[in-house]
Amino acid sequence: MKDIRQMSDQELINLYQSLYEGVYVFECYGPRDYELMIATEQELRRRGYKIVRRVEVVKQEKFEEVIG
């Protein structure tokens, strides 16, 4: 993997979104993943990006209750 300072904006955005999903959605990550996510977020902010996190609340479906 390239150093984050050498990545394009789009590469950083894709990396951040992937890491964010692993950490907060799937809750499947290691300490290095979390550290890389924070470093990526800092680099995006340095480049003038703002990170907007949204939480969506939806009604649980019947089949999700049986499976989950």
PDB file of N, CA and C in Angstrom:
ATOM      1  N   MET A   1       0.837  -1.175   0.000  1.00  0.00           N
ATOM      2  CA  MET A   1       0.000   0.000   0.000  1.00  0.00           C
ATOM      3  C   MET A   1       0.888   1.246   0.000  1.00  0.00           C
ATOM      4  N   LYS A   2       0.469   2.249  -0.754  1.00  0.00           N
ATOM      5  CA  LYS A   2       1.197   3.513  -0.796  1.00  0.00           C
ATOM      6  C   LYS A   2       1.066   4.246   0.540  1.00  0.00           C
ATOM      7  N   ASP A   3       2.026   5.101   0.811  1.00  0.00           N
ATOM      8  CA  ASP A   3       1.926   5.995   1.955  1.00  0.00           C
ATOM      9  C   ASP A   3       0.707   6.894   1.738  1.00  0.00           C
ATOM     10  N   ILE A   4      -0.042   7.192   2.800  1.00  0.00           N
ATOM     11  CA  ILE A   4      -1.274   7.956   2.616  1.00  0.00           C
ATOM     12  C   ILE A   4      -1.026   9.357   2.059  1.00  0.00           C
ATOM     13  N   ARG A   5       0.132   9.916   2.300  1.00  0.00           N
ATOM     14  CA  ARG A   5       0.427  11.248   1.752  1.00  0.00           C
ATOM     15  C   ARG A   5       0.655  11.211   0.244  1.00  0.00           C
ATOM     16  N   GLN A   6       0.913  10.030  -0.294  1.00  0.00           N
ATOM     17  CA  GLN A   6       1.131   9.879  -1.731  1.00  0.00           C
ATOM     18  C   GLN A   6      -0.136   9.451  -2.469  1.00  0.00           C
ATOM     19  N   MET A   7      -1.200   9.157  -1.735  1.00  0.00           N
ATOM     20  CA  MET A   7      -2.448   8.708  -2.354  1.00  0.00           C
ATOM     21  C   MET A   7      -3.227   9.893  -2.917  1.00  0.00           C
ATOM     22  N   SER A   8      -4.002   9.607  -3.950  1.00  0.00           N
ATOM     23  CA  SER A   8      -4.894  10.632  -4.495  1.00  0.00           C
ATOM     24  C   SER A   8      -6.048  10.835  -3.514  1.00  0.00           C
ATOM     25  N   ASP A   9      -6.774  11.924  -3.700  1.00  0.00           N
ATOM     26  CA  ASP A   9      -7.924  12.177  -2.841  1.00  0.00           C
ATOM     27  C   ASP A   9      -8.913  11.017  -2.908  1.00  0.00           C
ATOM     28  N   GLN A  10      -9.197  10.534  -4.113  1.00  0.00           N
ATOM     29  CA  GLN A  10     -10.171   9.454  -4.266  1.00  0.00           C
ATOM     30  C   GLN A  10      -9.687   8.166  -3.606  1.00  0.00           C
ATOM     31  N   GLU A  11      -8.397   7.882  -3.712  1.00  0.00           N
ATOM     32  CA  GLU A  11      -7.850   6.696  -3.040  1.00  0.00           C
ATOM     33  C   GLU A  11      -8.028   6.802  -1.528  1.00  0.00           C
ATOM     34  N   LEU A  12      -7.776   7.991  -0.986  1.00  0.00           N
ATOM     35  CA  LEU A  12      -7.938   8.208   0.455  1.00  0.00           C
ATOM     36  C   LEU A  12      -9.393   8.064   0.884  1.00  0.00           C
ATOM     37  N   ILE A  13     -10.286   8.625   0.092  1.00  0.00           N
ATOM     38  CA  ILE A  13     -11.712   8.537   0.406  1.00  0.00           C
ATOM     39  C   ILE A  13     -12.154   7.080   0.410  1.00  0.00           C
ATOM     40  N   ASN A  14     -11.760   6.333  -0.605  1.00  0.00           N
ATOM     41  CA  ASN A  14     -12.120   4.913  -0.681  1.00  0.00           C
ATOM     42  C   ASN A  14     -11.556   4.134   0.506  1.00  0.00           C
ATOM     43  N   LEU A  15     -10.299   4.408   0.848  1.00  0.00           N
ATOM     44  CA  LEU A  15      -9.667   3.735   1.978  1.00  0.00           C
ATOM     45  C   LEU A  15     -10.403   4.061   3.271  1.00  0.00           C
ATOM     46  N   TYR A  16     -10.692   5.342   3.479  1.00  0.00           N
ATOM     47  CA  TYR A  16     -11.380   5.752   4.702  1.00  0.00           C
ATOM     48  C   TYR A  16     -12.748   5.089   4.813  1.00  0.00           C
ATOM     49  N   GLN A  17     -13.510   5.094   3.724  1.00  0.00           N
ATOM     50  CA  GLN A  17     -14.842   4.490   3.750  1.00  0.00           C
ATOM     51  C   GLN A  17     -14.768   2.998   4.056  1.00  0.00           C
ATOM     52  N   SER A  18     -13.795   2.328   3.482  1.00  0.00           N
ATOM     53  CA  SER A  18     -13.621   0.897   3.722  1.00  0.00           C
ATOM     54  C   SER A  18     -13.254   0.623   5.183  1.00  0.00           C
ATOM     55  N   LEU A  19     -12.315   1.387   5.709  1.00  0.00           N
ATOM     56  CA  LEU A  19     -11.906   1.216   7.103  1.00  0.00           C
ATOM     57  C   LEU A  19     -13.041   1.561   8.058  1.00  0.00           C
ATOM     58  N   TYR A  20     -13.753   2.632   7.764  1.00  0.00           N
ATOM     59  CA  TYR A  20     -14.876   3.050   8.607  1.00  0.00           C
ATOM     60  C   TYR A  20     -15.927   1.949   8.681  1.00  0.00           C
ATOM     61  N   GLU A  21     -16.227   1.351   7.529  1.00  0.00           N
ATOM     62  CA  GLU A  21     -17.206   0.263   7.479  1.00  0.00           C
ATOM     63  C   GLU A  21     -16.735  -0.930   8.321  1.00  0.00           C
ATOM     64  N   GLY A  22     -15.461  -1.272   8.207  1.00  0.00           N
ATOM     65  CA  GLY A  22     -14.924  -2.382   8.990  1.00  0.00           C
ATOM     66  C   GLY A  22     -14.986  -2.128  10.483  1.00  0.00           C
ATOM     67  N   VAL A  23     -14.701  -0.894  10.880  1.00  0.00           N
ATOM     68  CA  VAL A  23     -14.670  -0.551  12.302  1.00  0.00           C
ATOM     69  C   VAL A  23     -16.077  -0.392  12.874  1.00  0.00           C
ATOM     70  N   TYR A  24     -16.915   0.427  12.231  1.00  0.00           N
ATOM     71  CA  TYR A  24     -18.197   0.795  12.828  1.00  0.00           C
ATOM     72  C   TYR A  24     -19.395  -0.017  12.347  1.00  0.00           C
ATOM     73  N   VAL A  25     -19.337  -0.597  11.164  1.00  0.00           N
ATOM     74  CA  VAL A  25     -20.478  -1.368  10.662  1.00  0.00           C
ATOM     75  C   VAL A  25     -20.306  -2.846  10.977  1.00  0.00           C
ATOM     76  N   PHE A  26     -19.180  -3.408  10.538  1.00  0.00           N
ATOM     77  CA  PHE A  26     -18.960  -4.839  10.730  1.00  0.00           C
ATOM     78  C   PHE A  26     -18.278  -5.170  12.053  1.00  0.00           C
ATOM     79  N   GLU A  27     -17.693  -4.154  12.690  1.00  0.00           N
ATOM     80  CA  GLU A  27     -16.959  -4.336  13.945  1.00  0.00           C
ATOM     81  C   GLU A  27     -15.936  -5.459  13.827  1.00  0.00           C
ATOM     82  N   CYS A  28     -15.224  -5.451  12.717  1.00  0.00           N
ATOM     83  CA  CYS A  28     -14.204  -6.466  12.436  1.00  0.00           C
ATOM     84  C   CYS A  28     -12.929  -5.731  12.015  1.00  0.00           C
ATOM     85  N   TYR A  29     -12.050  -5.470  12.972  1.00  0.00           N
ATOM     86  CA  TYR A  29     -10.848  -4.696  12.694  1.00  0.00           C
ATOM     87  C   TYR A  29      -9.798  -4.962  13.759  1.00  0.00           C
ATOM     88  N   GLY A  30      -8.569  -4.602  13.427  1.00  0.00           N
ATOM     89  CA  GLY A  30      -7.472  -4.702  14.370  1.00  0.00           C
ATOM     90  C   GLY A  30      -6.984  -3.313  14.732  1.00  0.00           C
ATOM     91  N   PRO A  31      -6.055  -3.229  15.675  1.00  0.00           N
ATOM     92  CA  PRO A  31      -5.529  -1.927  16.093  1.00  0.00           C
ATOM     93  C   PRO A  31      -4.910  -1.139  14.939  1.00  0.00           C
ATOM     94  N   ARG A  32      -4.247  -1.821  14.022  1.00  0.00           N
ATOM     95  CA  ARG A  32      -3.627  -1.118  12.888  1.00  0.00           C
ATOM     96  C   ARG A  32      -4.675  -0.545  11.942  1.00  0.00           C
ATOM     97  N   ASP A  33      -5.791  -1.267  11.776  1.00  0.00           N
ATOM     98  CA  ASP A  33      -6.881  -0.749  10.941  1.00  0.00           C
ATOM     99  C   ASP A  33      -7.409   0.555  11.527  1.00  0.00           C
ATOM    100  N   TYR A  34      -7.609   0.561  12.838  1.00  0.00           N
ATOM    101  CA  TYR A  34      -8.130   1.755  13.502  1.00  0.00           C
ATOM    102  C   TYR A  34      -7.130   2.912  13.390  1.00  0.00           C
ATOM    103  N   GLU A  35      -5.862   2.635  13.619  1.00  0.00           N
ATOM    104  CA  GLU A  35      -4.826   3.668  13.509  1.00  0.00           C
ATOM    105  C   GLU A  35      -4.764   4.224  12.093  1.00  0.00           C
ATOM    106  N   LEU A  36      -4.867   3.341  11.092  1.00  0.00           N
ATOM    107  CA  LEU A  36      -4.842   3.785   9.698  1.00  0.00           C
ATOM    108  C   LEU A  36      -6.075   4.622   9.380  1.00  0.00           C
ATOM    109  N   MET A  37      -7.223   4.261   9.929  1.00  0.00           N
ATOM    110  CA  MET A  37      -8.436   5.043   9.702  1.00  0.00           C
ATOM    111  C   MET A  37      -8.271   6.459  10.259  1.00  0.00           C
ATOM    112  N   ILE A  38      -7.719   6.571  11.464  1.00  0.00           N
ATOM    113  CA  ILE A  38      -7.500   7.884  12.083  1.00  0.00           C
ATOM    114  C   ILE A  38      -6.497   8.697  11.264  1.00  0.00           C
ATOM    115  N   ALA A  39      -5.408   8.069  10.826  1.00  0.00           N
ATOM    116  CA  ALA A  39      -4.401   8.761  10.016  1.00  0.00           C
ATOM    117  C   ALA A  39      -4.995   9.208   8.682  1.00  0.00           C
ATOM    118  N   THR A  40      -5.830   8.369   8.088  1.00  0.00           N
ATOM    119  CA  THR A  40      -6.474   8.708   6.820  1.00  0.00           C
ATOM    120  C   THR A  40      -7.429   9.876   7.015  1.00  0.00           C
ATOM    121  N   GLU A  41      -8.175   9.851   8.108  1.00  0.00           N
ATOM    122  CA  GLU A  41      -9.086  10.956   8.420  1.00  0.00           C
ATOM    123  C   GLU A  41      -8.306  12.262   8.586  1.00  0.00           C
ATOM    124  N   GLN A  42      -7.191  12.212   9.291  1.00  0.00           N
ATOM    125  CA  GLN A  42      -6.373  13.413   9.485  1.00  0.00           C
ATOM    126  C   GLN A  42      -5.830  13.941   8.161  1.00  0.00           C
ATOM    127  N   GLU A  43      -5.405  13.039   7.281  1.00  0.00           N
ATOM    128  CA  GLU A  43      -4.884  13.457   5.978  1.00  0.00           C
ATOM    129  C   GLU A  43      -5.992  14.083   5.129  1.00  0.00           C
ATOM    130  N   LEU A  44      -7.178  13.501   5.171  1.00  0.00           N
ATOM    131  CA  LEU A  44      -8.301  14.083   4.422  1.00  0.00           C
ATOM    132  C   LEU A  44      -8.632  15.477   4.949  1.00  0.00           C
ATOM    133  N   ARG A  45      -8.628  15.644   6.266  1.00  0.00           N
ATOM    134  CA  ARG A  45      -8.894  16.965   6.851  1.00  0.00           C
ATOM    135  C   ARG A  45      -7.799  17.960   6.466  1.00  0.00           C
ATOM    136  N   ARG A  46      -6.555  17.495   6.446  1.00  0.00           N
ATOM    137  CA  ARG A  46      -5.439  18.357   6.043  1.00  0.00           C
ATOM    138  C   ARG A  46      -5.633  18.847   4.611  1.00  0.00           C
ATOM    139  N   ARG A  47      -6.233  18.008   3.779  1.00  0.00           N
ATOM    140  CA  ARG A  47      -6.478  18.360   2.376  1.00  0.00           C
ATOM    141  C   ARG A  47      -7.764  19.161   2.183  1.00  0.00           C
ATOM    142  N   GLY A  48      -8.428  19.478   3.276  1.00  0.00           N
ATOM    143  CA  GLY A  48      -9.610  20.331   3.188  1.00  0.00           C
ATOM    144  C   GLY A  48     -10.943  19.606   3.169  1.00  0.00           C
ATOM    145  N   TYR A  49     -10.936  18.314   3.429  1.00  0.00           N
ATOM    146  CA  TYR A  49     -12.179  17.552   3.465  1.00  0.00           C
ATOM    147  C   TYR A  49     -12.769  17.568   4.865  1.00  0.00           C
ATOM    148  N   LYS A  50     -14.079  17.471   4.925  1.00  0.00           N
ATOM    149  CA  LYS A  50     -14.802  17.366   6.189  1.00  0.00           C
ATOM    150  C   LYS A  50     -15.448  15.986   6.212  1.00  0.00           C
ATOM    151  N   ILE A  51     -15.304  15.269   7.310  1.00  0.00           N
ATOM    152  CA  ILE A  51     -15.886  13.938   7.458  1.00  0.00           C
ATOM    153  C   ILE A  51     -17.275  14.103   8.073  1.00  0.00           C
ATOM    154  N   VAL A  52     -18.296  13.621   7.377  1.00  0.00           N
ATOM    155  CA  VAL A  52     -19.671  13.692   7.867  1.00  0.00           C
ATOM    156  C   VAL A  52     -20.139  12.267   8.127  1.00  0.00           C
ATOM    157  N   ARG A  53     -20.433  11.990   9.370  1.00  0.00           N
ATOM    158  CA  ARG A  53     -20.908  10.652   9.747  1.00  0.00           C
ATOM    159  C   ARG A  53     -22.414  10.728   9.959  1.00  0.00           C
ATOM    160  N   ARG A  54     -23.097   9.757   9.407  1.00  0.00           N
ATOM    161  CA  ARG A  54     -24.551   9.727   9.539  1.00  0.00           C
ATOM    162  C   ARG A  54     -24.980   8.395  10.128  1.00  0.00           C
ATOM    163  N   VAL A  55     -26.003   8.453  10.940  1.00  0.00           N
ATOM    164  CA  VAL A  55     -26.577   7.238  11.506  1.00  0.00           C
ATOM    165  C   VAL A  55     -27.987   7.114  10.945  1.00  0.00           C
ATOM    166  N   GLU A  56     -28.295   5.944  10.437  1.00  0.00           N
ATOM    167  CA  GLU A  56     -29.618   5.695   9.892  1.00  0.00           C
ATOM    168  C   GLU A  56     -30.336   4.713  10.817  1.00  0.00           C
ATOM    169  N   VAL A  57     -31.562   5.049  11.187  1.00  0.00           N
ATOM    170  CA  VAL A  57     -32.357   4.180  12.040  1.00  0.00           C
ATOM    171  C   VAL A  57     -33.499   3.628  11.196  1.00  0.00           C
ATOM    172  N   VAL A  58     -33.567   2.302  11.090  1.00  0.00           N
ATOM    173  CA  VAL A  58     -34.610   1.655  10.295  1.00  0.00           C
ATOM    174  C   VAL A  58     -35.292   0.586  11.130  1.00  0.00           C
ATOM    175  N   LYS A  59     -36.521   0.323  10.800  1.00  0.00           N
ATOM    176  CA  LYS A  59     -37.279  -0.724  11.497  1.00  0.00           C
ATOM    177  C   LYS A  59     -36.731  -2.081  11.097  1.00  0.00           C
ATOM    178  N   GLN A  60     -36.531  -2.938  12.074  1.00  0.00           N
ATOM    179  CA  GLN A  60     -36.000  -4.271  11.817  1.00  0.00           C
ATOM    180  C   GLN A  60     -37.072  -5.112  11.138  1.00  0.00           C
ATOM    181  N   GLU A  61     -36.668  -5.828  10.102  1.00  0.00           N
ATOM    182  CA  GLU A  61     -37.583  -6.691   9.362  1.00  0.00           C
ATOM    183  C   GLU A  61     -37.807  -7.993  10.119  1.00  0.00           C
ATOM    184  N   LYS A  62     -38.910  -8.655   9.836  1.00  0.00           N
ATOM    185  CA  LYS A  62     -39.245  -9.924  10.495  1.00  0.00           C
ATOM    186  C   LYS A  62     -38.156 -10.975  10.324  1.00  0.00           C
ATOM    187  N   PHE A  63     -37.662 -11.148   9.062  1.00  0.00           N
ATOM    188  CA  PHE A  63     -36.667 -12.193   8.820  1.00  0.00           C
ATOM    189  C   PHE A  63     -35.349 -11.892   9.520  1.00  0.00           C
ATOM    190  N   GLU A  64     -35.042 -10.621   9.760  1.00  0.00           N
ATOM    191  CA  GLU A  64     -33.824 -10.272  10.482  1.00  0.00           C
ATOM    192  C   GLU A  64     -33.923 -10.712  11.940  1.00  0.00           C
ATOM    193  N   GLU A  65     -35.126 -10.664  12.507  1.00  0.00           N
ATOM    194  CA  GLU A  65     -35.316 -11.080  13.895  1.00  0.00           C
ATOM    195  C   GLU A  65     -35.047 -12.572  14.051  1.00  0.00           C
ATOM    196  N   VAL A  66     -35.453 -13.361  13.068  1.00  0.00           N
ATOM    197  CA  VAL A  66     -35.262 -14.808  13.122  1.00  0.00           C
ATOM    198  C   VAL A  66     -33.795 -15.160  12.935  1.00  0.00           C
ATOM    199  N   ILE A  67     -33.144 -14.519  11.957  1.00  0.00           N
ATOM    200  CA  ILE A  67     -31.741 -14.815  11.643  1.00  0.00           C
ATOM    201  C   ILE A  67     -30.817 -14.211  12.690  1.00  0.00           C
ATOM    202  N   GLY A  68     -31.017 -12.935  13.009  1.00  0.00           N
ATOM    203  CA  GLY A  68     -30.121 -12.212  13.897  1.00  0.00           C
ATOM    204  C   GLY A  68     -30.386 -12.533  15.301  1.00  0.00           C
TER     205      GLY A  68
END
